[in-house]
């Protein structure tokens, strides 16, 4: 009888241990999938973006709420944010209803750059083989060996274009860099362009939120490479050579100069590498991150304010150039003329 009882107890213990192990494995699987048992979604850290797994339509809204809670810059606009977390529970039955709720939720933040992006925003066909490659920078030599470089925008290949354009100005004794009507683009590309105009120096520092924590990212050009110091941790990468030496440089700016262009101005002016001419810039000193909801669109979220090396942020204020010059009344380029005249005095 005792033998039977001991056998029964042993079998019961084995069964209990098996249940615990299975449940533990199941919990582990859920943690692996969602990041934590109670989380709605998991950040997958794909290169260049952040992906949250929203495999079920009912979770799309909650994933979006979580993304914004973790990354949105303007915390003063989130006073009632917790009330949005479960506002549509049991009301969302399909993806279309989820999208409507997300648009309402993001709209409550009253920040024009933060928005839901539909799936078609990411659908693009491969360019035709004979399609012309966009060119973001051109150069020419002005009289008196003054090199003129115009940068139209900070697209994905602008650093290559600038390197080629500056290479054509090898005989230049001074430089005009025209950033007028350059609406910005890729900050990493602007960082690369900055490295071709300085030996060393701080480009910009980003302050914001990422992954639910405060985020600080200093962009610094060193003699032997580029450095990003993110929350105190240094990350190094290759730099491009300084192609302008220490030759005199002026920048041309106007109301169409924005975002990454303004950061390039701040880096060059604060490092005393260049002077600026023209009129006040647009004033966009914030950056956005695109976070993809798997198979159901994405969110574009404002997550940092961008500061000049002097710690100044020109968001909504614009940058007033060192020398304010208005365009000529009949199409004359008074700004370029003033910049050239300034350079001639230093040659």
Protein backbone atom coordinates (compact mmCIF):
# COMPACT_ATOMS: atom_id res chain seq x y z
CA UNK A 1 0.00 0.00 0.00
CA UNK A 2 2.81 2.39 0.95
CA UNK A 3 4.60 1.50 -2.29
CA UNK A 4 1.48 2.33 -4.32
CA UNK A 5 1.05 5.62 -2.42
CA UNK A 6 4.69 6.60 -3.00
CA UNK A 7 4.31 5.77 -6.70
CA UNK A 8 1.15 7.87 -6.94
CA UNK A 9 2.79 10.87 -5.21
CA UNK A 10 5.83 10.58 -7.49
CA UNK A 11 3.64 10.51 -10.59
CA UNK A 12 1.71 13.53 -9.33
CA UNK A 13 4.94 15.45 -8.73
CA UNK A 14 6.19 14.58 -12.21
CA UNK A 15 2.91 15.79 -13.70
CA UNK A 16 3.09 19.02 -11.70
CA UNK A 17 6.71 19.65 -12.71
CA UNK A 18 5.77 18.95 -16.35
CA UNK A 19 2.94 21.51 -16.16
CA UNK A 20 5.29 24.10 -14.61
CA UNK A 21 7.93 23.46 -17.28
CA UNK A 22 5.39 23.67 -20.12
CA UNK A 23 3.88 26.85 -18.72
CA UNK A 24 7.36 28.25 -18.21
CA UNK A 25 8.26 27.46 -21.81
CA UNK A 26 5.02 29.01 -22.96
CA UNK A 27 5.75 32.14 -20.94
CA UNK A 28 9.27 32.21 -22.40
CA UNK A 29 7.82 32.00 -25.91
CA UNK A 30 5.48 34.88 -25.14
CA UNK A 31 8.34 36.95 -23.72
CA UNK A 32 10.43 36.21 -26.82
CA UNK A 33 7.55 37.30 -29.03
CA UNK A 34 6.31 40.34 -27.14
CA UNK A 35 9.30 41.51 -25.08
CA UNK A 36 7.38 40.97 -21.82
CA UNK A 37 4.30 38.92 -21.01
CA UNK A 38 2.09 41.98 -20.69
CA UNK A 39 3.48 43.91 -23.65
CA UNK A 40 1.46 44.34 -26.81
CA UNK A 41 4.33 44.43 -29.23
CA UNK A 42 8.05 43.90 -29.60
CA UNK A 43 10.69 46.17 -31.06
CA UNK A 44 12.74 44.22 -33.57
CA UNK A 45 15.46 46.84 -34.21
CA UNK A 46 15.65 46.40 -37.98
CA UNK A 47 18.45 48.51 -39.51
CA UNK A 48 17.28 52.05 -40.15
CA UNK A 49 13.86 51.60 -38.60
CA UNK A 50 12.01 50.13 -35.64
CA UNK A 51 9.42 47.42 -36.23
CA UNK A 52 6.66 46.48 -33.82
CA UNK A 53 4.91 43.16 -34.37
CA UNK A 54 1.21 43.82 -34.82
CA UNK A 55 0.16 40.47 -36.20
CA UNK A 56 -3.43 40.91 -35.03
CA UNK A 57 -5.59 43.86 -36.02
CA UNK A 58 -6.89 44.28 -32.48
CA UNK A 59 -3.36 45.02 -31.29
CA UNK A 60 -2.45 47.62 -33.93
CA UNK A 61 -3.90 50.46 -31.87
CA UNK A 62 -2.16 49.35 -28.69
CA UNK A 63 1.16 48.98 -30.52
CA UNK A 64 0.78 52.54 -31.77
CA UNK A 65 -0.03 53.83 -28.30
CA UNK A 66 3.08 52.09 -26.97
CA UNK A 67 5.32 53.51 -29.69
CA UNK A 68 4.17 57.05 -28.96
CA UNK A 69 4.43 56.53 -25.22
CA UNK A 70 8.03 55.35 -25.62
CA UNK A 71 9.30 57.84 -28.19
CA UNK A 72 7.25 61.04 -28.55
CA UNK A 73 9.31 64.15 -27.79
CA UNK A 74 6.78 66.63 -26.40
CA UNK A 75 5.88 65.17 -23.01
CA UNK A 76 3.94 68.31 -22.09
CA UNK A 77 1.35 67.33 -24.71
CA UNK A 78 0.74 63.93 -23.10
CA UNK A 79 -0.95 65.01 -19.86
CA UNK A 80 -3.98 62.76 -20.48
CA UNK A 81 -2.07 60.15 -22.48
CA UNK A 82 -2.99 57.22 -20.20
CA UNK A 83 -6.67 57.78 -20.98
CA UNK A 84 -5.98 56.90 -24.61
CA UNK A 85 -4.49 53.49 -23.88
CA UNK A 86 -7.80 51.64 -23.49
CA UNK A 87 -10.19 54.22 -24.96
CA UNK A 88 -11.19 51.95 -27.84
CA UNK A 89 -11.07 48.56 -26.10
CA UNK A 90 -13.84 46.29 -27.43
CA UNK A 91 -14.62 48.87 -30.13
CA UNK A 92 -11.95 47.94 -32.69
CA UNK A 93 -12.99 44.91 -34.73
CA UNK A 94 -10.91 45.37 -37.89
CA UNK A 95 -7.85 47.15 -39.22
CA UNK A 96 -9.80 50.06 -40.70
CA UNK A 97 -11.29 50.86 -37.30
CA UNK A 98 -7.83 50.59 -35.74
CA UNK A 99 -6.43 53.09 -38.25
CA UNK A 100 -9.27 55.54 -37.57
CA UNK A 101 -8.57 55.31 -33.83
CA UNK A 102 -4.82 55.77 -34.36
CA UNK A 103 -5.39 58.91 -36.44
CA UNK A 104 -7.63 60.33 -33.72
CA UNK A 105 -5.05 59.48 -31.05
CA UNK A 106 -2.08 61.02 -32.89
CA UNK A 107 -4.17 64.08 -33.70
CA UNK A 108 -4.67 64.68 -29.98
CA UNK A 109 -0.93 65.41 -29.68
CA UNK A 110 -1.31 68.46 -31.95
CA UNK A 111 2.09 68.01 -33.56
CA UNK A 112 2.06 68.23 -37.32
CA UNK A 113 4.95 65.89 -38.09
CA UNK A 114 3.74 62.95 -35.97
CA UNK A 115 1.26 60.93 -38.00
CA UNK A 116 0.03 57.53 -39.14
CA UNK A 117 1.47 56.42 -42.51
CA UNK A 118 -0.59 53.94 -44.56
CA UNK A 119 1.05 50.80 -46.03
CA UNK A 120 1.24 52.34 -49.51
CA UNK A 121 3.69 54.91 -48.10
CA UNK A 122 6.27 52.09 -48.09
CA UNK A 123 5.29 50.54 -51.41
CA UNK A 124 7.66 51.58 -54.15
CA UNK A 125 8.65 49.95 -57.38
CA UNK A 126 12.28 49.57 -58.32
CA UNK A 127 13.48 52.51 -60.45
CA UNK A 128 13.94 51.83 -64.15
CA UNK A 129 17.51 50.97 -65.07
CA UNK A 130 17.71 54.02 -67.32
CA UNK A 131 16.12 56.39 -64.78
CA UNK A 132 18.43 59.35 -64.03
CA UNK A 133 20.01 59.33 -60.58
CA UNK A 134 19.05 62.41 -58.57
CA UNK A 135 21.89 64.86 -58.09
CA UNK A 136 21.88 66.75 -54.79
CA UNK A 137 24.96 68.95 -55.24
CA UNK A 138 26.71 70.80 -58.08
CA UNK A 139 29.73 73.08 -58.23
CA UNK A 140 31.40 75.63 -60.45
CA UNK A 141 34.34 78.00 -60.24
CA UNK A 142 33.56 81.70 -59.85
CA UNK A 143 36.03 84.44 -60.79
CA UNK A 144 39.07 84.88 -58.55
CA UNK A 145 39.22 81.15 -57.80
CA UNK A 146 36.17 81.15 -55.55
CA UNK A 147 34.54 77.73 -55.53
CA UNK A 148 30.73 77.70 -55.55
CA UNK A 149 28.95 74.62 -54.14
CA UNK A 150 25.17 74.36 -54.19
CA UNK A 151 23.46 71.63 -52.16
CA UNK A 152 19.82 71.11 -53.13
CA UNK A 153 18.84 68.63 -50.41
CA UNK A 154 20.16 65.96 -48.08
CA UNK A 155 19.08 62.83 -49.90
CA UNK A 156 20.62 59.42 -49.40
CA UNK A 157 23.52 60.08 -51.81
CA UNK A 158 24.26 63.74 -51.13
CA UNK A 159 27.59 63.02 -49.41
CA UNK A 160 28.82 61.27 -52.56
CA UNK A 161 27.61 64.19 -54.67
CA UNK A 162 29.29 66.76 -52.44
CA UNK A 163 32.54 64.80 -52.45
CA UNK A 164 32.52 64.74 -56.24
CA UNK A 165 31.54 68.42 -56.50
CA UNK A 166 34.27 69.54 -54.09
CA UNK A 167 36.77 67.38 -55.96
CA UNK A 168 36.10 69.57 -59.01
CA UNK A 169 37.06 72.67 -57.00
CA UNK A 170 40.60 71.63 -56.19
CA UNK A 171 42.04 74.99 -57.28
CA UNK A 172 39.59 77.04 -55.20
CA UNK A 173 41.06 79.48 -52.69
CA UNK A 174 37.72 80.09 -50.93
CA UNK A 175 34.23 78.59 -50.92
CA UNK A 176 30.60 79.67 -51.14
CA UNK A 177 28.21 76.94 -49.94
CA UNK A 178 24.69 77.71 -51.11
CA UNK A 179 21.99 76.16 -48.87
CA UNK A 180 19.15 78.40 -50.00
CA UNK A 181 15.87 76.55 -50.49
CA UNK A 182 17.47 73.34 -49.18
CA UNK A 183 14.65 71.82 -47.14
CA UNK A 184 16.87 69.27 -45.38
CA UNK A 185 16.61 65.51 -45.34
CA UNK A 186 18.97 62.94 -43.85
CA UNK A 187 20.83 64.15 -40.76
CA UNK A 188 23.48 61.39 -41.06
CA UNK A 189 24.19 62.59 -44.60
CA UNK A 190 24.53 66.18 -43.37
CA UNK A 191 26.96 64.86 -40.74
CA UNK A 192 29.05 63.30 -43.53
CA UNK A 193 29.01 66.56 -45.50
CA UNK A 194 30.12 68.45 -42.38
CA UNK A 195 33.13 66.12 -42.09
CA UNK A 196 34.29 67.23 -45.55
CA UNK A 197 34.49 70.84 -44.36
CA UNK A 198 36.22 70.54 -40.96
CA UNK A 199 39.20 68.83 -39.42
CA UNK A 200 37.39 68.23 -36.13
CA UNK A 201 34.35 69.55 -34.30
CA UNK A 202 30.87 68.87 -32.92
CA UNK A 203 28.15 68.82 -35.57
CA UNK A 204 24.97 68.66 -33.48
CA UNK A 205 23.43 67.01 -30.41
CA UNK A 206 19.99 65.39 -30.36
CA UNK A 207 17.90 65.44 -27.17
CA UNK A 208 14.71 63.43 -26.87
CA UNK A 209 13.20 60.04 -26.09
CA UNK A 210 13.69 56.58 -27.54
CA UNK A 211 12.49 53.23 -26.26
CA UNK A 212 10.91 54.80 -23.20
CA UNK A 213 14.12 56.46 -22.01
CA UNK A 214 15.73 59.86 -22.39
CA UNK A 215 17.95 59.94 -25.45
CA UNK A 216 21.03 62.11 -26.10
CA UNK A 217 23.12 61.65 -29.25
CA UNK A 218 26.16 63.88 -29.85
CA UNK A 219 27.55 63.90 -33.41
CA UNK A 220 31.29 64.65 -33.38
CA UNK A 221 33.91 64.68 -36.13
CA UNK A 222 37.29 63.42 -34.92
CA UNK A 223 40.55 63.49 -36.83
CA UNK A 224 40.33 59.73 -37.37
CA UNK A 225 36.60 59.19 -37.79
CA UNK A 226 33.03 60.05 -36.87
CA UNK A 227 31.77 59.57 -33.34
CA UNK A 228 28.23 59.28 -32.02
CA UNK A 229 28.02 59.45 -28.24
CA UNK A 230 24.61 58.00 -27.41
CA UNK A 231 23.62 58.22 -23.75
CA UNK A 232 27.29 58.24 -22.83
CA UNK A 233 28.31 55.29 -25.04
CA UNK A 234 30.68 55.99 -27.94
CA UNK A 235 30.12 54.53 -31.42
CA UNK A 236 32.73 55.15 -34.12
CA UNK A 237 32.52 55.04 -37.92
CA UNK A 238 34.62 56.08 -40.90
CA UNK A 239 34.75 59.71 -41.95
CA UNK A 240 35.42 61.48 -45.24
CA UNK A 241 38.47 63.67 -45.71
CA UNK A 242 38.26 67.42 -45.26
CA UNK A 243 38.21 68.68 -48.86
CA UNK A 244 38.12 72.40 -48.04
CA UNK A 245 41.11 72.66 -45.72
CA UNK A 246 41.07 75.87 -43.73
CA UNK A 247 40.22 78.08 -46.70
CA UNK A 248 37.66 80.87 -46.13
CA UNK A 249 34.03 79.78 -46.40
CA UNK A 250 30.65 81.53 -46.43
CA UNK A 251 27.15 80.06 -46.38
CA UNK A 252 24.08 81.33 -48.20
CA UNK A 253 20.74 80.78 -46.44
CA UNK A 254 17.11 81.86 -46.69
CA UNK A 255 13.59 81.02 -45.55
CA UNK A 256 13.65 77.78 -47.52
CA UNK A 257 16.70 76.50 -45.62
CA UNK A 258 15.45 73.96 -43.09
CA UNK A 259 16.11 70.94 -40.89
CA UNK A 260 19.38 69.14 -41.74
CA UNK A 261 20.55 72.25 -43.64
CA UNK A 262 20.13 74.33 -40.50
CA UNK A 263 22.13 71.78 -38.52
CA UNK A 264 24.96 72.07 -41.06
CA UNK A 265 24.87 75.85 -40.65
CA UNK A 266 25.03 75.55 -36.87
CA UNK A 267 27.93 73.13 -37.01
CA UNK A 268 29.99 75.27 -39.38
CA UNK A 269 29.22 78.62 -37.76
CA UNK A 270 29.59 77.50 -34.14
CA UNK A 271 32.92 75.87 -34.97
CA UNK A 272 33.98 79.19 -36.53
CA UNK A 273 34.49 77.47 -39.87
CA UNK A 274 32.16 79.72 -41.86
CA UNK A 275 30.11 82.93 -41.84
CA UNK A 276 26.53 83.10 -43.09
CA UNK A 277 24.79 85.50 -45.46
CA UNK A 278 21.18 85.84 -46.51
CA UNK A 279 17.87 85.86 -44.62
CA UNK A 280 16.36 84.01 -41.66
CA UNK A 281 15.93 80.26 -42.11
CA UNK A 282 12.76 78.19 -41.73
CA UNK A 283 13.29 76.91 -38.19
CA UNK A 284 12.87 73.12 -38.07
CA UNK A 285 15.07 71.78 -35.30
CA UNK A 286 13.35 68.47 -34.61
CA UNK A 287 13.79 64.98 -36.06
CA UNK A 288 11.39 62.14 -36.78
CA UNK A 289 11.73 58.38 -36.65
CA UNK A 290 9.57 56.05 -38.76
CA UNK A 291 8.39 53.00 -36.84
CA UNK A 292 6.73 50.30 -38.92
CA UNK A 293 3.67 48.39 -37.80
CA UNK A 294 4.20 45.03 -39.48
CA UNK A 295 1.83 44.71 -42.46
CA UNK A 296 -0.33 47.61 -41.28
CA UNK A 297 1.45 50.88 -42.03
CA UNK A 298 3.66 52.86 -39.70
CA UNK A 299 3.95 55.85 -37.44
CA UNK A 300 6.20 58.83 -38.05
CA UNK A 301 7.09 60.18 -34.61
CA UNK A 302 8.93 63.33 -33.59
CA UNK A 303 11.47 62.06 -31.10
CA UNK A 304 14.31 64.60 -30.73
CA UNK A 305 15.14 68.27 -30.66
CA UNK A 306 18.37 69.05 -32.48
CA UNK A 307 20.83 71.45 -30.89
CA UNK A 308 23.73 73.39 -32.38
CA UNK A 309 27.18 72.83 -30.79
CA UNK A 310 26.47 75.96 -28.70
CA UNK A 311 23.38 74.09 -27.37
CA UNK A 312 21.01 76.44 -29.17
CA UNK A 313 17.85 74.95 -30.71
CA UNK A 314 16.31 76.97 -33.54
CA UNK A 315 13.07 74.96 -33.80
CA UNK A 316 10.16 77.33 -34.59
CA UNK A 317 12.59 80.26 -34.32
CA UNK A 318 14.80 79.97 -37.36
CA UNK A 319 18.43 80.96 -37.67
CA UNK A 320 19.31 84.61 -38.33
CA UNK A 321 22.49 84.75 -40.45
CA UNK A 322 25.59 86.66 -39.41
CA UNK A 323 24.99 89.09 -42.26
CA UNK A 324 21.39 89.73 -43.30
CA UNK A 325 21.09 90.50 -47.00
CA UNK A 326 17.81 90.66 -48.89
CA UNK A 327 17.51 89.46 -52.52
CA UNK A 328 17.69 92.14 -55.20
CA UNK A 329 14.44 93.73 -56.43
CA UNK A 330 14.92 92.63 -60.03
CA UNK A 331 16.33 89.16 -59.56
CA UNK A 332 19.86 90.29 -58.75
CA UNK A 333 21.61 87.88 -56.40
CA UNK A 334 22.63 90.41 -53.79
CA UNK A 335 23.28 87.62 -51.28
CA UNK A 336 25.83 85.87 -53.46
CA UNK A 337 27.43 89.21 -54.36
CA UNK A 338 27.81 90.12 -50.67
CA UNK A 339 29.30 86.72 -49.87
CA UNK A 340 31.83 86.95 -52.70
CA UNK A 341 32.80 90.50 -51.70
CA UNK A 342 33.45 89.27 -48.15
CA UNK A 343 35.68 86.44 -49.41
CA UNK A 344 37.68 88.74 -51.70
CA UNK A 345 38.68 90.81 -48.68
CA UNK A 346 40.23 87.71 -47.11
CA UNK A 347 42.14 86.50 -50.17
